[in-house]
Amino acid sequence: MLLATDGQLATPEIDADIFRFCALVTDTRHGRRPDGWQLAWRARELATIILVIYITEARATERSLHCVPGRAIIAKPFVHAQVYSALNSVFKHALGEPWQASTVPVGYTGSLSLLGKPPF
């Protein structure tokens, strides 16, 4: 798992080797650009199978304009259990089986997380 506090720090990690990650969990507004919407699109340009989970305060109309297809959205305020549930849901949808969300550290602090490949 990699944590980045803003888009400027996350972009080189995404560009360097997107295939070391299986999911992107991003706050849509997390400091310096690119924002979470743009990071998700960049990640999907490089790896169409990367799973995306947005954490946002955006209204439904804004979400529909910016979201990548096949993603999960968590509205703020949220609890960590919602992140685990969203991860399980997108992995289940992508793989046809549940993923063990307990392997994700609890330390999500609100910026961007890139999750490494699950152990299966």
N, C-alpha and C. Protein backbone atom coordinates (compact mmCIF):
# COMPACT_ATOMS: atom_id res chain seq x y z
N MET A 1 0.85 -1.17 0.00
CA MET A 1 0.00 0.00 0.00
C MET A 1 0.89 1.23 0.00
N LEU A 2 0.52 2.20 -0.79
CA LEU A 2 1.24 3.46 -0.87
C LEU A 2 0.27 4.57 -0.52
N LEU A 3 0.68 5.48 0.33
CA LEU A 3 -0.14 6.64 0.66
C LEU A 3 0.52 7.88 0.09
N ALA A 4 -0.24 8.73 -0.54
CA ALA A 4 0.25 10.00 -1.04
C ALA A 4 -0.72 11.08 -0.58
N THR A 5 -0.19 12.21 -0.16
CA THR A 5 -1.05 13.26 0.39
C THR A 5 -1.64 14.19 -0.65
N ASP A 6 -1.16 14.10 -1.89
CA ASP A 6 -1.75 14.93 -2.94
C ASP A 6 -1.44 14.32 -4.31
N GLY A 7 -2.07 14.89 -5.32
CA GLY A 7 -1.92 14.36 -6.67
C GLY A 7 -0.54 14.47 -7.25
N GLN A 8 0.20 15.53 -6.86
CA GLN A 8 1.56 15.68 -7.35
C GLN A 8 2.46 14.55 -6.88
N LEU A 9 2.25 14.07 -5.67
CA LEU A 9 3.05 12.96 -5.15
C LEU A 9 2.59 11.62 -5.71
N ALA A 10 1.32 11.50 -6.00
CA ALA A 10 0.77 10.23 -6.48
C ALA A 10 1.07 9.97 -7.95
N THR A 11 1.08 11.02 -8.76
CA THR A 11 1.24 10.85 -10.21
C THR A 11 2.50 10.08 -10.60
N PRO A 12 3.68 10.40 -10.06
CA PRO A 12 4.86 9.63 -10.46
C PRO A 12 4.78 8.15 -10.06
N GLU A 13 4.09 7.87 -8.96
CA GLU A 13 3.92 6.48 -8.53
C GLU A 13 3.00 5.72 -9.49
N ILE A 14 1.95 6.38 -9.93
CA ILE A 14 1.03 5.78 -10.89
C ILE A 14 1.74 5.56 -12.22
N ASP A 15 2.48 6.57 -12.66
CA ASP A 15 3.16 6.47 -13.95
C ASP A 15 4.32 5.48 -13.94
N ALA A 16 4.97 5.31 -12.80
CA ALA A 16 6.16 4.45 -12.74
C ALA A 16 5.83 2.98 -13.01
N ASP A 17 4.79 2.48 -12.36
CA ASP A 17 4.43 1.07 -12.54
C ASP A 17 3.04 0.82 -11.96
N ILE A 18 2.03 1.18 -12.71
CA ILE A 18 0.65 1.04 -12.24
C ILE A 18 0.29 -0.41 -11.94
N PHE A 19 0.96 -1.34 -12.58
CA PHE A 19 0.59 -2.75 -12.42
C PHE A 19 1.02 -3.35 -11.09
N ARG A 20 1.73 -2.60 -10.27
CA ARG A 20 2.02 -3.09 -8.92
C ARG A 20 0.85 -2.85 -7.98
N PHE A 21 -0.17 -2.14 -8.48
CA PHE A 21 -1.35 -1.83 -7.68
C PHE A 21 -2.58 -2.54 -8.24
N CYS A 22 -3.52 -2.85 -7.35
CA CYS A 22 -4.77 -3.46 -7.81
C CYS A 22 -5.95 -2.51 -7.61
N ALA A 23 -5.76 -1.47 -6.79
CA ALA A 23 -6.86 -0.54 -6.54
C ALA A 23 -6.34 0.84 -6.21
N LEU A 24 -7.15 1.82 -6.54
CA LEU A 24 -6.89 3.22 -6.20
C LEU A 24 -8.04 3.69 -5.33
N VAL A 25 -7.73 4.15 -4.12
CA VAL A 25 -8.72 4.75 -3.23
C VAL A 25 -8.33 6.21 -3.12
N THR A 26 -9.19 7.10 -3.59
CA THR A 26 -8.80 8.50 -3.64
C THR A 26 -9.89 9.44 -3.15
N ASP A 27 -9.44 10.45 -2.42
CA ASP A 27 -10.30 11.56 -2.07
C ASP A 27 -10.31 12.46 -3.31
N THR A 28 -11.47 12.90 -3.72
CA THR A 28 -11.53 13.69 -4.95
C THR A 28 -10.91 15.07 -4.81
N ARG A 29 -10.83 15.55 -3.59
CA ARG A 29 -10.19 16.85 -3.32
C ARG A 29 -9.15 16.65 -2.24
N HIS A 30 -7.91 16.51 -2.64
CA HIS A 30 -6.87 16.16 -1.66
C HIS A 30 -5.60 16.99 -1.80
N GLY A 31 -5.73 18.24 -2.02
CA GLY A 31 -4.53 19.08 -2.09
C GLY A 31 -4.16 19.41 -3.52
N ARG A 32 -2.86 19.44 -3.77
CA ARG A 32 -2.36 19.85 -5.09
C ARG A 32 -2.85 18.93 -6.19
N ARG A 33 -3.05 19.52 -7.36
CA ARG A 33 -3.50 18.80 -8.55
C ARG A 33 -2.43 17.85 -9.02
N PRO A 34 -2.78 16.84 -9.74
CA PRO A 34 -4.13 16.53 -10.19
C PRO A 34 -5.01 16.05 -9.02
N ASP A 35 -6.32 16.29 -9.17
CA ASP A 35 -7.25 15.87 -8.13
C ASP A 35 -7.56 14.38 -8.26
N GLY A 36 -8.38 13.88 -7.37
CA GLY A 36 -8.70 12.45 -7.37
C GLY A 36 -9.41 11.98 -8.63
N TRP A 37 -10.25 12.85 -9.20
CA TRP A 37 -10.92 12.48 -10.45
C TRP A 37 -9.87 12.25 -11.55
N GLN A 38 -8.94 13.19 -11.67
CA GLN A 38 -7.91 13.10 -12.71
C GLN A 38 -6.97 11.92 -12.49
N LEU A 39 -6.63 11.65 -11.22
CA LEU A 39 -5.76 10.50 -10.93
C LEU A 39 -6.41 9.19 -11.35
N ALA A 40 -7.70 9.08 -11.10
CA ALA A 40 -8.40 7.85 -11.48
C ALA A 40 -8.39 7.67 -12.99
N TRP A 41 -8.64 8.73 -13.73
CA TRP A 41 -8.62 8.63 -15.20
C TRP A 41 -7.22 8.27 -15.69
N ARG A 42 -6.18 8.86 -15.07
CA ARG A 42 -4.81 8.53 -15.47
C ARG A 42 -4.51 7.06 -15.18
N ALA A 43 -4.91 6.59 -14.01
CA ALA A 43 -4.68 5.18 -13.66
C ALA A 43 -5.39 4.26 -14.65
N ARG A 44 -6.61 4.60 -15.03
CA ARG A 44 -7.37 3.77 -15.98
C ARG A 44 -6.79 3.84 -17.39
N GLU A 45 -6.17 4.96 -17.76
CA GLU A 45 -5.50 5.03 -19.07
C GLU A 45 -4.36 4.02 -19.13
N LEU A 46 -3.67 3.87 -18.02
CA LEU A 46 -2.51 2.98 -17.97
C LEU A 46 -2.91 1.52 -17.72
N ALA A 47 -3.95 1.31 -16.94
CA ALA A 47 -4.39 -0.05 -16.59
C ALA A 47 -5.91 -0.06 -16.49
N THR A 48 -6.56 -0.53 -17.52
CA THR A 48 -8.02 -0.48 -17.57
C THR A 48 -8.68 -1.34 -16.49
N ILE A 49 -7.94 -2.24 -15.90
CA ILE A 49 -8.53 -3.13 -14.89
C ILE A 49 -8.35 -2.63 -13.46
N ILE A 50 -7.64 -1.52 -13.25
CA ILE A 50 -7.45 -1.06 -11.88
C ILE A 50 -8.80 -0.66 -11.28
N LEU A 51 -9.01 -1.06 -10.06
CA LEU A 51 -10.25 -0.77 -9.35
C LEU A 51 -10.16 0.62 -8.73
N VAL A 52 -11.24 1.38 -8.79
CA VAL A 52 -11.23 2.75 -8.29
C VAL A 52 -12.34 2.93 -7.27
N ILE A 53 -11.97 3.55 -6.14
CA ILE A 53 -12.93 3.93 -5.12
C ILE A 53 -12.72 5.40 -4.82
N TYR A 54 -13.77 6.18 -5.01
CA TYR A 54 -13.73 7.62 -4.72
C TYR A 54 -14.30 7.87 -3.34
N ILE A 55 -13.68 8.79 -2.62
CA ILE A 55 -14.24 9.31 -1.38
C ILE A 55 -14.48 10.79 -1.66
N THR A 56 -15.74 11.22 -1.53
CA THR A 56 -16.08 12.55 -2.03
C THR A 56 -17.25 13.19 -1.30
N GLU A 57 -17.29 14.52 -1.39
CA GLU A 57 -18.44 15.29 -0.95
C GLU A 57 -19.24 15.78 -2.15
N ALA A 58 -18.82 15.41 -3.34
CA ALA A 58 -19.44 15.90 -4.57
C ALA A 58 -20.88 15.44 -4.70
N ARG A 59 -21.66 16.28 -5.35
CA ARG A 59 -23.06 15.93 -5.64
C ARG A 59 -23.11 14.91 -6.78
N ALA A 60 -24.25 14.28 -6.92
CA ALA A 60 -24.42 13.24 -7.94
C ALA A 60 -24.14 13.77 -9.34
N THR A 61 -24.52 15.00 -9.62
CA THR A 61 -24.28 15.55 -10.96
C THR A 61 -22.78 15.69 -11.24
N GLU A 62 -22.02 16.12 -10.25
CA GLU A 62 -20.57 16.24 -10.42
C GLU A 62 -19.94 14.87 -10.57
N ARG A 63 -20.41 13.92 -9.78
CA ARG A 63 -19.88 12.55 -9.86
C ARG A 63 -20.05 11.98 -11.26
N SER A 64 -21.23 12.16 -11.82
CA SER A 64 -21.50 11.57 -13.13
C SER A 64 -20.62 12.18 -14.23
N LEU A 65 -20.18 13.39 -14.03
CA LEU A 65 -19.31 14.05 -15.01
C LEU A 65 -17.86 13.57 -14.92
N HIS A 66 -17.42 13.17 -13.73
CA HIS A 66 -16.00 12.93 -13.51
C HIS A 66 -15.60 11.48 -13.27
N CYS A 67 -16.50 10.63 -12.85
CA CYS A 67 -16.14 9.26 -12.46
C CYS A 67 -15.75 8.38 -13.63
N VAL A 68 -14.79 7.48 -13.36
CA VAL A 68 -14.49 6.43 -14.33
C VAL A 68 -15.58 5.36 -14.21
N PRO A 69 -15.82 4.60 -15.27
CA PRO A 69 -16.82 3.52 -15.18
C PRO A 69 -16.38 2.42 -14.22
N GLY A 70 -17.34 1.72 -13.66
CA GLY A 70 -17.06 0.56 -12.81
C GLY A 70 -16.31 0.92 -11.55
N ARG A 71 -16.76 1.91 -10.85
CA ARG A 71 -16.10 2.36 -9.64
C ARG A 71 -17.06 2.29 -8.47
N ALA A 72 -16.53 2.52 -7.28
CA ALA A 72 -17.36 2.65 -6.09
C ALA A 72 -17.20 4.08 -5.58
N ILE A 73 -18.25 4.59 -4.93
CA ILE A 73 -18.21 5.94 -4.39
C ILE A 73 -18.62 5.87 -2.92
N ILE A 74 -17.83 6.53 -2.09
CA ILE A 74 -18.14 6.64 -0.67
C ILE A 74 -18.33 8.13 -0.38
N ALA A 75 -19.48 8.47 0.17
CA ALA A 75 -19.76 9.87 0.49
C ALA A 75 -19.17 10.23 1.85
N LYS A 76 -18.67 11.45 1.94
CA LYS A 76 -18.19 11.97 3.22
C LYS A 76 -19.38 12.51 3.99
N PRO A 77 -19.36 12.44 5.29
CA PRO A 77 -18.40 11.75 6.14
C PRO A 77 -18.59 10.24 6.05
N PHE A 78 -17.56 9.50 6.37
CA PHE A 78 -17.62 8.05 6.25
C PHE A 78 -16.86 7.41 7.40
N VAL A 79 -17.04 6.11 7.55
CA VAL A 79 -16.28 5.33 8.53
C VAL A 79 -15.43 4.33 7.76
N HIS A 80 -14.34 3.88 8.36
CA HIS A 80 -13.41 2.98 7.69
C HIS A 80 -14.08 1.70 7.18
N ALA A 81 -15.08 1.24 7.86
CA ALA A 81 -15.78 0.02 7.43
C ALA A 81 -16.36 0.19 6.03
N GLN A 82 -16.74 1.41 5.67
CA GLN A 82 -17.26 1.66 4.32
C GLN A 82 -16.18 1.45 3.26
N VAL A 83 -14.93 1.79 3.56
CA VAL A 83 -13.84 1.57 2.63
C VAL A 83 -13.65 0.07 2.43
N TYR A 84 -13.64 -0.69 3.51
CA TYR A 84 -13.50 -2.15 3.42
C TYR A 84 -14.64 -2.76 2.62
N SER A 85 -15.84 -2.30 2.87
CA SER A 85 -17.01 -2.81 2.16
C SER A 85 -16.92 -2.49 0.66
N ALA A 86 -16.51 -1.26 0.34
CA ALA A 86 -16.37 -0.87 -1.07
C ALA A 86 -15.29 -1.69 -1.75
N LEU A 87 -14.16 -1.91 -1.08
CA LEU A 87 -13.10 -2.75 -1.65
C LEU A 87 -13.61 -4.15 -1.92
N ASN A 88 -14.30 -4.72 -0.95
CA ASN A 88 -14.84 -6.06 -1.12
C ASN A 88 -15.81 -6.10 -2.30
N SER A 89 -16.62 -5.08 -2.42
CA SER A 89 -17.61 -5.03 -3.49
C SER A 89 -16.95 -4.95 -4.87
N VAL A 90 -15.97 -4.04 -5.03
CA VAL A 90 -15.36 -3.91 -6.35
C VAL A 90 -14.50 -5.12 -6.70
N PHE A 91 -13.85 -5.72 -5.71
CA PHE A 91 -13.08 -6.94 -5.98
C PHE A 91 -14.00 -8.09 -6.34
N LYS A 92 -15.10 -8.19 -5.62
CA LYS A 92 -16.06 -9.26 -5.91
C LYS A 92 -16.61 -9.10 -7.32
N HIS A 93 -16.94 -7.88 -7.68
CA HIS A 93 -17.47 -7.62 -9.02
C HIS A 93 -16.42 -7.94 -10.09
N ALA A 94 -15.18 -7.53 -9.84
CA ALA A 94 -14.12 -7.72 -10.83
C ALA A 94 -13.68 -9.18 -10.94
N LEU A 95 -13.65 -9.87 -9.81
CA LEU A 95 -13.10 -11.22 -9.79
C LEU A 95 -14.14 -12.32 -9.63
N GLY A 96 -15.34 -11.93 -9.31
CA GLY A 96 -16.38 -12.93 -9.10
C GLY A 96 -16.27 -13.64 -7.76
N GLU A 97 -15.45 -13.11 -6.86
CA GLU A 97 -15.31 -13.70 -5.53
C GLU A 97 -14.94 -12.61 -4.54
N PRO A 98 -15.26 -12.79 -3.27
CA PRO A 98 -14.94 -11.76 -2.28
C PRO A 98 -13.44 -11.69 -2.03
N TRP A 99 -12.98 -10.51 -1.73
CA TRP A 99 -11.59 -10.28 -1.37
C TRP A 99 -11.52 -10.08 0.12
N GLN A 100 -10.46 -10.48 0.75
CA GLN A 100 -10.33 -10.34 2.20
C GLN A 100 -9.89 -8.92 2.53
N ALA A 101 -10.85 -8.05 2.78
CA ALA A 101 -10.54 -6.65 3.06
C ALA A 101 -9.73 -6.48 4.33
N SER A 102 -9.69 -7.49 5.18
CA SER A 102 -8.92 -7.38 6.41
C SER A 102 -7.43 -7.25 6.14
N THR A 103 -6.99 -7.51 4.91
CA THR A 103 -5.56 -7.38 4.59
C THR A 103 -5.18 -5.93 4.33
N VAL A 104 -6.14 -5.02 4.28
CA VAL A 104 -5.85 -3.60 4.07
C VAL A 104 -5.62 -2.94 5.42
N PRO A 105 -4.51 -2.21 5.59
CA PRO A 105 -4.29 -1.52 6.86
C PRO A 105 -5.40 -0.53 7.16
N VAL A 106 -5.65 -0.30 8.45
CA VAL A 106 -6.72 0.58 8.87
C VAL A 106 -6.33 2.05 8.73
N GLY A 107 -5.11 2.36 8.39
CA GLY A 107 -4.60 3.71 8.44
C GLY A 107 -5.00 4.66 7.33
N TYR A 108 -6.14 4.53 6.71
CA TYR A 108 -6.54 5.51 5.69
C TYR A 108 -6.77 6.84 6.39
N THR A 109 -6.06 7.88 5.95
CA THR A 109 -6.16 9.17 6.61
C THR A 109 -6.83 10.23 5.75
N GLY A 110 -7.19 9.92 4.53
CA GLY A 110 -7.98 10.86 3.77
C GLY A 110 -7.37 11.41 2.52
N SER A 111 -6.35 10.86 1.95
CA SER A 111 -5.83 11.42 0.72
C SER A 111 -5.96 10.41 -0.39
N LEU A 112 -4.91 9.69 -0.64
CA LEU A 112 -4.92 8.75 -1.74
C LEU A 112 -4.21 7.50 -1.29
N SER A 113 -4.76 6.36 -1.63
CA SER A 113 -4.11 5.10 -1.32
C SER A 113 -4.06 4.28 -2.60
N LEU A 114 -2.92 3.71 -2.86
CA LEU A 114 -2.79 2.76 -3.95
C LEU A 114 -2.51 1.42 -3.30
N LEU A 115 -3.36 0.45 -3.55
CA LEU A 115 -3.24 -0.82 -2.87
C LEU A 115 -2.49 -1.81 -3.74
N GLY A 116 -1.55 -2.51 -3.12
CA GLY A 116 -0.80 -3.53 -3.83
C GLY A 116 -1.66 -4.71 -4.18
N LYS A 117 -1.14 -5.58 -5.02
CA LYS A 117 -1.89 -6.76 -5.47
C LYS A 117 -2.28 -7.62 -4.28
N PRO A 118 -3.51 -8.13 -4.27
CA PRO A 118 -3.92 -9.02 -3.19
C PRO A 118 -3.23 -10.38 -3.33
N PRO A 119 -3.15 -11.11 -2.23
CA PRO A 119 -2.40 -12.37 -2.25
C PRO A 119 -3.17 -13.56 -2.81
N PHE A 120 -3.73 -13.44 -4.00
CA PHE A 120 -4.37 -14.60 -4.64
C PHE A 120 -4.13 -14.56 -6.11
